[in-house]
Protein backbone atom coordinates (compact mmCIF):
# COMPACT_ATOMS: atom_id res chain seq x y z
CA UNK A 1 3.66 18.88 -17.02
CA UNK A 2 6.04 19.97 -14.27
CA UNK A 3 8.71 17.24 -14.64
CA UNK A 4 11.21 19.34 -16.58
CA UNK A 5 10.58 22.37 -14.39
CA UNK A 6 11.66 20.47 -11.26
CA UNK A 7 14.27 18.23 -12.99
CA UNK A 8 12.29 15.04 -12.45
CA UNK A 9 12.21 11.93 -14.66
CA UNK A 10 8.77 10.81 -13.43
CA UNK A 11 5.93 12.06 -11.26
CA UNK A 12 7.08 11.67 -7.64
CA UNK A 13 3.65 11.63 -6.02
CA UNK A 14 1.64 9.22 -8.13
CA UNK A 15 -0.87 7.18 -6.13
CA UNK A 16 0.07 4.06 -8.12
CA UNK A 17 1.70 1.54 -5.72
CA UNK A 18 5.29 1.54 -7.03
CA UNK A 19 7.90 -0.28 -4.94
CA UNK A 20 10.63 2.05 -6.24
CA UNK A 21 9.02 4.68 -4.01
CA UNK A 22 8.54 2.42 -0.98
CA UNK A 23 9.28 4.40 2.17
CA UNK A 24 10.02 2.34 5.31
CA UNK A 25 8.31 4.46 7.92
CA UNK A 26 7.84 2.83 11.32
CA UNK A 27 4.47 1.17 10.65
CA UNK A 28 5.33 -0.08 7.17
CA UNK A 29 8.71 -1.46 8.21
CA UNK A 30 7.27 -3.16 11.30
CA UNK A 31 4.68 -4.89 9.11
CA UNK A 32 7.26 -5.93 6.53
CA UNK A 33 9.63 -7.26 9.18
CA UNK A 34 6.86 -9.29 10.81
CA UNK A 35 5.87 -10.82 7.48
CA UNK A 36 9.44 -11.70 6.51
CA UNK A 37 10.29 -13.28 9.86
CA UNK A 38 7.03 -15.21 10.07
CA UNK A 39 7.18 -16.49 6.49
CA UNK A 40 10.79 -17.58 6.84
CA UNK A 41 9.79 -19.36 10.05
CA UNK A 42 7.15 -21.35 8.17
CA UNK A 43 3.99 -19.79 9.64
CA UNK A 44 0.88 -20.71 7.68
CA UNK A 45 -1.51 -17.76 7.97
CA UNK A 46 -0.57 -14.10 8.44
CA UNK A 47 -2.65 -10.93 8.41
CA UNK A 48 -2.03 -7.21 7.94
CA UNK A 49 -4.93 -4.83 8.49
CA UNK A 50 -4.43 -1.27 7.29
CA UNK A 51 -6.45 1.89 7.05
CA UNK A 52 -7.57 3.17 3.65
CA UNK A 53 -4.69 4.80 1.75
CA UNK A 54 -1.97 3.71 4.19
CA UNK A 55 0.00 1.60 1.71
CA UNK A 56 -1.17 -2.02 1.99
CA UNK A 57 -0.73 -2.73 -1.70
CA UNK A 58 2.77 -1.24 -1.97
CA UNK A 59 3.70 -3.16 1.21
CA UNK A 60 2.42 -6.34 -0.42
CA UNK A 61 4.42 -5.70 -3.57
CA UNK A 62 7.52 -4.84 -1.56
CA UNK A 63 7.14 -8.14 0.28
CA UNK A 64 6.87 -10.08 -2.97
CA UNK A 65 9.87 -8.21 -4.37
CA UNK A 66 11.93 -9.03 -1.27
CA UNK A 67 10.98 -12.72 -1.42
CA UNK A 68 11.85 -13.04 -5.12
CA UNK A 69 14.16 -15.99 -5.69
CA UNK A 70 13.73 -17.21 -2.12
CA UNK A 71 10.02 -18.16 -2.35
CA UNK A 72 7.61 -19.17 -5.06
CA UNK A 73 5.07 -16.34 -4.90
CA UNK A 74 1.51 -15.75 -6.04
CA UNK A 75 -0.49 -12.54 -5.88
CA UNK A 76 -4.28 -12.22 -5.93
CA UNK A 77 -5.23 -8.52 -6.05
CA UNK A 78 -9.01 -8.95 -6.08
CA UNK A 79 -10.38 -11.94 -4.14
CA UNK A 80 -14.05 -10.98 -4.58
CA UNK A 81 -14.83 -14.27 -6.32
CA UNK A 82 -16.39 -17.64 -5.69
CA UNK A 83 -14.46 -20.60 -4.21
CA UNK A 84 -13.71 -22.26 -7.56
CA UNK A 85 -12.65 -18.99 -9.18
CA UNK A 86 -10.24 -18.33 -6.32
CA UNK A 87 -8.67 -21.76 -6.82
CA UNK A 88 -8.43 -21.14 -10.57
CA UNK A 89 -6.78 -17.78 -9.97
CA UNK A 90 -4.23 -19.36 -7.63
CA UNK A 91 -3.56 -22.18 -10.08
CA UNK A 92 -2.96 -19.65 -12.84
CA UNK A 93 -0.54 -17.67 -10.65
CA UNK A 94 1.40 -20.85 -9.84
CA UNK A 95 1.47 -22.00 -13.47
CA UNK A 96 -0.63 -25.11 -12.80
CA UNK A 97 -2.06 -26.49 -16.08
CA UNK A 98 -5.84 -26.68 -16.09
CA UNK A 99 -7.79 -29.21 -18.16
CA UNK A 100 -11.29 -28.50 -19.43
CA UNK A 101 -13.94 -29.08 -18.37
CA UNK A 102 -12.64 -27.72 -15.09
CA UNK A 103 -13.32 -29.82 -12.01
CA UNK A 104 -12.68 -28.70 -8.45
CA UNK A 105 -10.83 -31.82 -7.31
CA UNK A 106 -8.50 -31.59 -10.33
CA UNK A 107 -7.62 -28.00 -9.46
CA UNK A 108 -6.88 -28.96 -5.86
CA UNK A 109 -4.78 -31.93 -6.98
CA UNK A 110 -2.86 -29.76 -9.43
CA UNK A 111 -2.14 -27.11 -6.79
CA UNK A 112 -1.12 -29.82 -4.31
CA UNK A 113 1.28 -31.38 -6.81
CA UNK A 114 2.78 -27.95 -7.54
CA UNK A 115 3.35 -27.32 -3.83
CA UNK A 116 4.93 -30.74 -3.27
CA UNK A 117 7.24 -30.19 -6.25
CA UNK A 118 8.32 -26.80 -4.85
CA UNK A 119 8.99 -28.37 -1.44
CA UNK A 120 11.20 -31.01 -3.02
CA UNK A 121 13.24 -28.22 -4.56
CA UNK A 122 13.56 -26.55 -1.16
CA UNK A 123 11.21 -23.69 -2.05
CA UNK A 124 8.41 -22.32 0.09
CA UNK A 125 5.23 -21.09 -1.58
CA UNK A 126 3.40 -17.97 -0.42
CA UNK A 127 0.22 -16.40 -1.76
CA UNK A 128 -0.56 -12.78 -0.94
CA UNK A 129 -4.23 -11.83 -1.06
CA UNK A 130 -4.77 -8.09 -1.28
CA UNK A 131 -8.07 -6.39 -0.40
CA UNK A 132 -8.85 -9.50 1.63
CA UNK A 133 -11.87 -7.85 3.26
CA UNK A 134 -13.65 -8.46 -0.07
CA UNK A 135 -13.41 -12.27 0.16
CA UNK A 136 -16.95 -13.69 0.20
CA UNK A 137 -17.73 -15.77 3.28
CA UNK A 138 -18.41 -18.84 1.11
CA UNK A 139 -14.88 -18.54 -0.34
CA UNK A 140 -13.15 -18.47 3.03
CA UNK A 141 -13.59 -22.23 3.36
CA UNK A 142 -11.43 -22.70 0.27
CA UNK A 143 -8.64 -20.80 2.01
CA UNK A 144 -8.98 -23.02 5.06
CA UNK A 145 -8.76 -26.15 2.91
CA UNK A 146 -5.69 -24.80 1.15
CA UNK A 147 -4.06 -24.26 4.53
CA UNK A 148 -4.48 -28.00 5.21
CA UNK A 149 -1.91 -28.80 2.53
CA UNK A 150 1.14 -29.77 4.57
CA UNK A 151 3.77 -32.38 5.25
CA UNK A 152 4.63 -33.76 8.68
CA UNK A 153 7.22 -31.01 9.00
CA UNK A 154 5.72 -27.85 7.55
CA UNK A 155 2.95 -26.08 5.68
CA UNK A 156 3.15 -26.43 1.91
CA UNK A 157 1.35 -23.12 1.36
CA UNK A 158 1.67 -19.92 3.37
CA UNK A 159 -1.05 -17.30 3.03
CA UNK A 160 -0.85 -13.56 3.72
CA UNK A 161 -4.10 -11.62 4.01
CA UNK A 162 -3.95 -7.85 3.58
CA UNK A 163 -7.12 -5.85 4.02
CA UNK A 164 -9.00 -2.93 5.47
CA UNK A 165 -10.38 -3.03 9.05
CA UNK A 166 -13.54 -4.73 7.72
CA UNK A 167 -11.41 -7.85 7.42
CA UNK A 168 -11.26 -8.25 11.20
CA UNK A 169 -15.04 -8.02 11.45
CA UNK A 170 -15.45 -10.65 8.73
CA UNK A 171 -13.01 -13.07 10.35
CA UNK A 172 -14.84 -12.71 13.66
CA UNK A 173 -18.03 -14.18 12.22
CA UNK A 174 -18.93 -17.47 13.97
CA UNK A 175 -19.08 -19.51 10.75
CA UNK A 176 -15.47 -18.74 9.79
CA UNK A 177 -13.72 -18.53 13.12
CA UNK A 178 -11.80 -21.70 12.23
CA UNK A 179 -9.77 -19.57 9.84
CA UNK A 180 -9.23 -16.85 12.44
CA UNK A 181 -7.75 -19.44 14.80
CA UNK A 182 -5.13 -20.33 12.18
CA UNK A 183 -3.76 -16.80 11.86
CA UNK A 184 -0.59 -16.87 13.93
CA UNK A 185 0.68 -13.30 13.45
CA UNK A 186 -1.14 -10.04 12.77
CA UNK A 187 0.03 -6.48 12.23
CA UNK A 188 -1.71 -3.11 11.96
CA UNK A 189 -0.63 -0.63 9.29
CA UNK A 190 -1.68 2.92 10.08
CA UNK A 191 -0.66 6.42 8.99
CA UNK A 192 2.94 7.49 9.37
CA UNK A 193 3.98 9.80 12.21
CA UNK A 194 3.50 13.40 11.16
CA UNK A 195 7.13 14.28 11.80
CA UNK A 196 8.12 11.74 9.13
CA UNK A 197 6.20 13.53 6.37
CA UNK A 198 9.02 16.00 5.40
CA UNK A 199 11.43 13.06 5.03
CA UNK A 200 8.83 11.16 3.02
CA UNK A 201 8.39 14.10 0.65
CA UNK A 202 12.15 14.41 0.15
CA UNK A 203 12.48 10.64 -0.36
CA UNK A 204 9.96 10.60 -3.18
CA UNK A 205 11.51 13.64 -4.85
CA UNK A 206 14.95 12.04 -4.64
CA UNK A 207 13.65 8.78 -6.12
CA UNK A 208 12.01 10.58 -9.05
CA UNK A 209 14.94 12.93 -9.72
CA UNK A 210 16.85 13.11 -12.97
CA UNK A 211 20.12 13.45 -11.04
CA UNK A 212 21.50 13.49 -7.51
CA UNK A 213 21.70 17.28 -7.63
CA UNK A 214 17.91 17.77 -7.62
CA UNK A 215 16.55 19.99 -4.86
CA UNK A 216 14.72 17.70 -2.40
CA UNK A 217 13.81 20.66 -0.18
CA UNK A 218 11.15 21.99 -2.53
CA UNK A 219 8.63 22.00 0.30
CA UNK A 220 9.20 24.65 2.94
CA UNK A 221 8.92 23.58 6.57
CA UNK A 222 5.54 25.32 6.80
CA UNK A 223 4.29 23.55 3.66
CA UNK A 224 5.40 20.12 4.84
CA UNK A 225 3.78 20.67 8.24
CA UNK A 226 0.52 21.75 6.61
CA UNK A 227 0.51 18.65 4.38
CA UNK A 228 1.23 16.44 7.38
CA UNK A 229 -1.61 17.84 9.44
CA UNK A 230 -4.15 17.95 6.64
CA UNK A 231 -3.39 14.39 5.52
CA UNK A 232 -3.14 12.92 9.00
CA UNK A 233 -0.03 11.07 7.79
CA UNK A 234 -1.99 8.96 5.26
CA UNK A 235 0.43 8.37 2.33
CA UNK A 236 -2.23 8.53 -0.39
CA UNK A 237 -3.49 11.91 0.83
CA UNK A 238 0.07 13.20 1.18
CA UNK A 239 0.68 12.25 -2.46
CA UNK A 240 -2.52 13.90 -3.67
CA UNK A 241 -1.73 17.18 -1.90
CA UNK A 242 1.95 17.18 -2.91
CA UNK A 243 1.10 16.56 -6.56
CA UNK A 244 -1.35 19.46 -6.59
CA UNK A 245 1.23 21.70 -4.94
CA UNK A 246 3.80 20.92 -7.63
CA UNK A 247 1.25 21.76 -10.30
CA UNK A 248 0.46 25.08 -8.61
CA UNK A 249 4.13 26.02 -8.23
CA UNK A 250 4.83 25.07 -11.84
CA UNK A 251 1.91 27.18 -13.00
CA UNK A 252 3.42 30.31 -11.45
CA UNK A 253 7.03 29.44 -12.30
CA UNK A 254 8.08 28.91 -8.69
CA UNK A 255 10.84 26.53 -7.57
CA UNK A 256 9.48 26.34 -4.02
CA UNK A 257 6.33 24.89 -2.48
CA UNK A 258 4.95 27.26 0.14
CA UNK A 259 2.15 27.02 2.68
CA UNK A 260 0.05 29.08 0.25
CA UNK A 261 0.23 26.29 -2.31
CA UNK A 262 -0.78 23.75 0.32
CA UNK A 263 -3.78 25.85 1.38
CA UNK A 264 -5.04 25.89 -2.19
CA UNK A 265 -4.43 22.15 -2.60
CA UNK A 266 -6.32 21.42 0.63
CA UNK A 267 -9.26 23.54 -0.48
CA UNK A 268 -9.35 21.56 -3.74
CA UNK A 269 -9.24 18.12 -2.08
CA UNK A 270 -12.44 16.58 -0.70
CA UNK A 271 -12.39 14.01 2.06
CA UNK A 272 -9.75 15.63 4.28
CA UNK A 273 -10.23 16.01 8.01
CA UNK A 274 -11.83 19.26 9.09
CA UNK A 275 -9.01 21.74 9.71
CA UNK A 276 -8.46 22.83 13.28
CA UNK A 277 -6.88 25.89 14.85
CA UNK A 278 -3.61 25.25 12.98
CA UNK A 279 -5.47 25.96 9.73
CA UNK A 280 -6.77 29.29 10.97
CA UNK A 281 -3.29 30.32 12.18
CA UNK A 282 -1.65 29.27 8.93
CA UNK A 283 -4.24 30.99 6.77
CA UNK A 284 -4.01 34.21 8.82
CA UNK A 285 -0.22 34.23 8.50
CA UNK A 286 -0.47 33.64 4.76
CA UNK A 287 -2.99 36.44 4.27
CA UNK A 288 -0.62 38.88 5.98
CA UNK A 289 2.21 38.06 3.58
CA UNK A 290 2.84 40.17 0.45
CA UNK A 291 2.85 38.64 -3.01
CA UNK A 292 0.13 36.06 -2.40
CA UNK A 293 -1.07 33.83 -5.21
CA UNK A 294 -3.47 35.49 -7.64
CA UNK A 295 -6.04 33.96 -9.89
CA UNK A 296 -6.47 34.51 -13.61
CA UNK A 297 -8.19 37.93 -13.22
CA UNK A 298 -5.54 39.21 -10.85
CA UNK A 299 -7.51 39.15 -7.59
CA UNK A 300 -6.03 37.57 -4.50
CA UNK A 301 -6.97 33.93 -3.83
């Protein structure tokens, strides 16, 4: 693996949502700020809709990390379950003891008692539901009932929904519009601005470095621009391309990521946007350069 070659302690471009690598680009930080302000203000229902691969899960985990010690938190990563299973999952996250045979009213009473106990201690309780677009319609009513748990002064449970754009379509269905009406703040999480990609690449390299002296300018300006344009600023695609580039550079013993490496990584990555005129210009410039990458039999790639 290339870690030793580039003086790294861990892979900098893993697609695993790791808060150590959280990068506060404009969209991500706006969403996080909204959530923090709204939760601290006592709002009951909040929503973040994000495009595929734009960092909803790492945003969710960064939120939970920030709220640690200030809130009692619960995290449900996969809400594709029936109403009773969702309640059981929440009870488990909150440490509510469950007696068997399980009965719905006992679960609700146990969750309610847990919330009241937290309120007496001056703690707010928030549950973050990731991939919320997967919540079955029949389960949405359980969320609405949970949102009814309140005192005269404030909500006992605050709920954050994070999902793909399908979530908006689901919430707009006539039979569950009561829940939509309870969502007080919403935010959209999209790709980062393309001019932020070079800084993002350097940030992740710095975070993964063995020491402060690591070279965070591994990617040439041309390479970073090519990654930005090919990925459209989607963090997951940036990570996939950057990881492949590091592997290519390591394979040839290079300490620099060039546009040539990016071209090969793009060609090896399905699902990218069709390249435009920038691709043709970049490829033509690369083909004119001496010392291009060669494959195993020595022919130019």
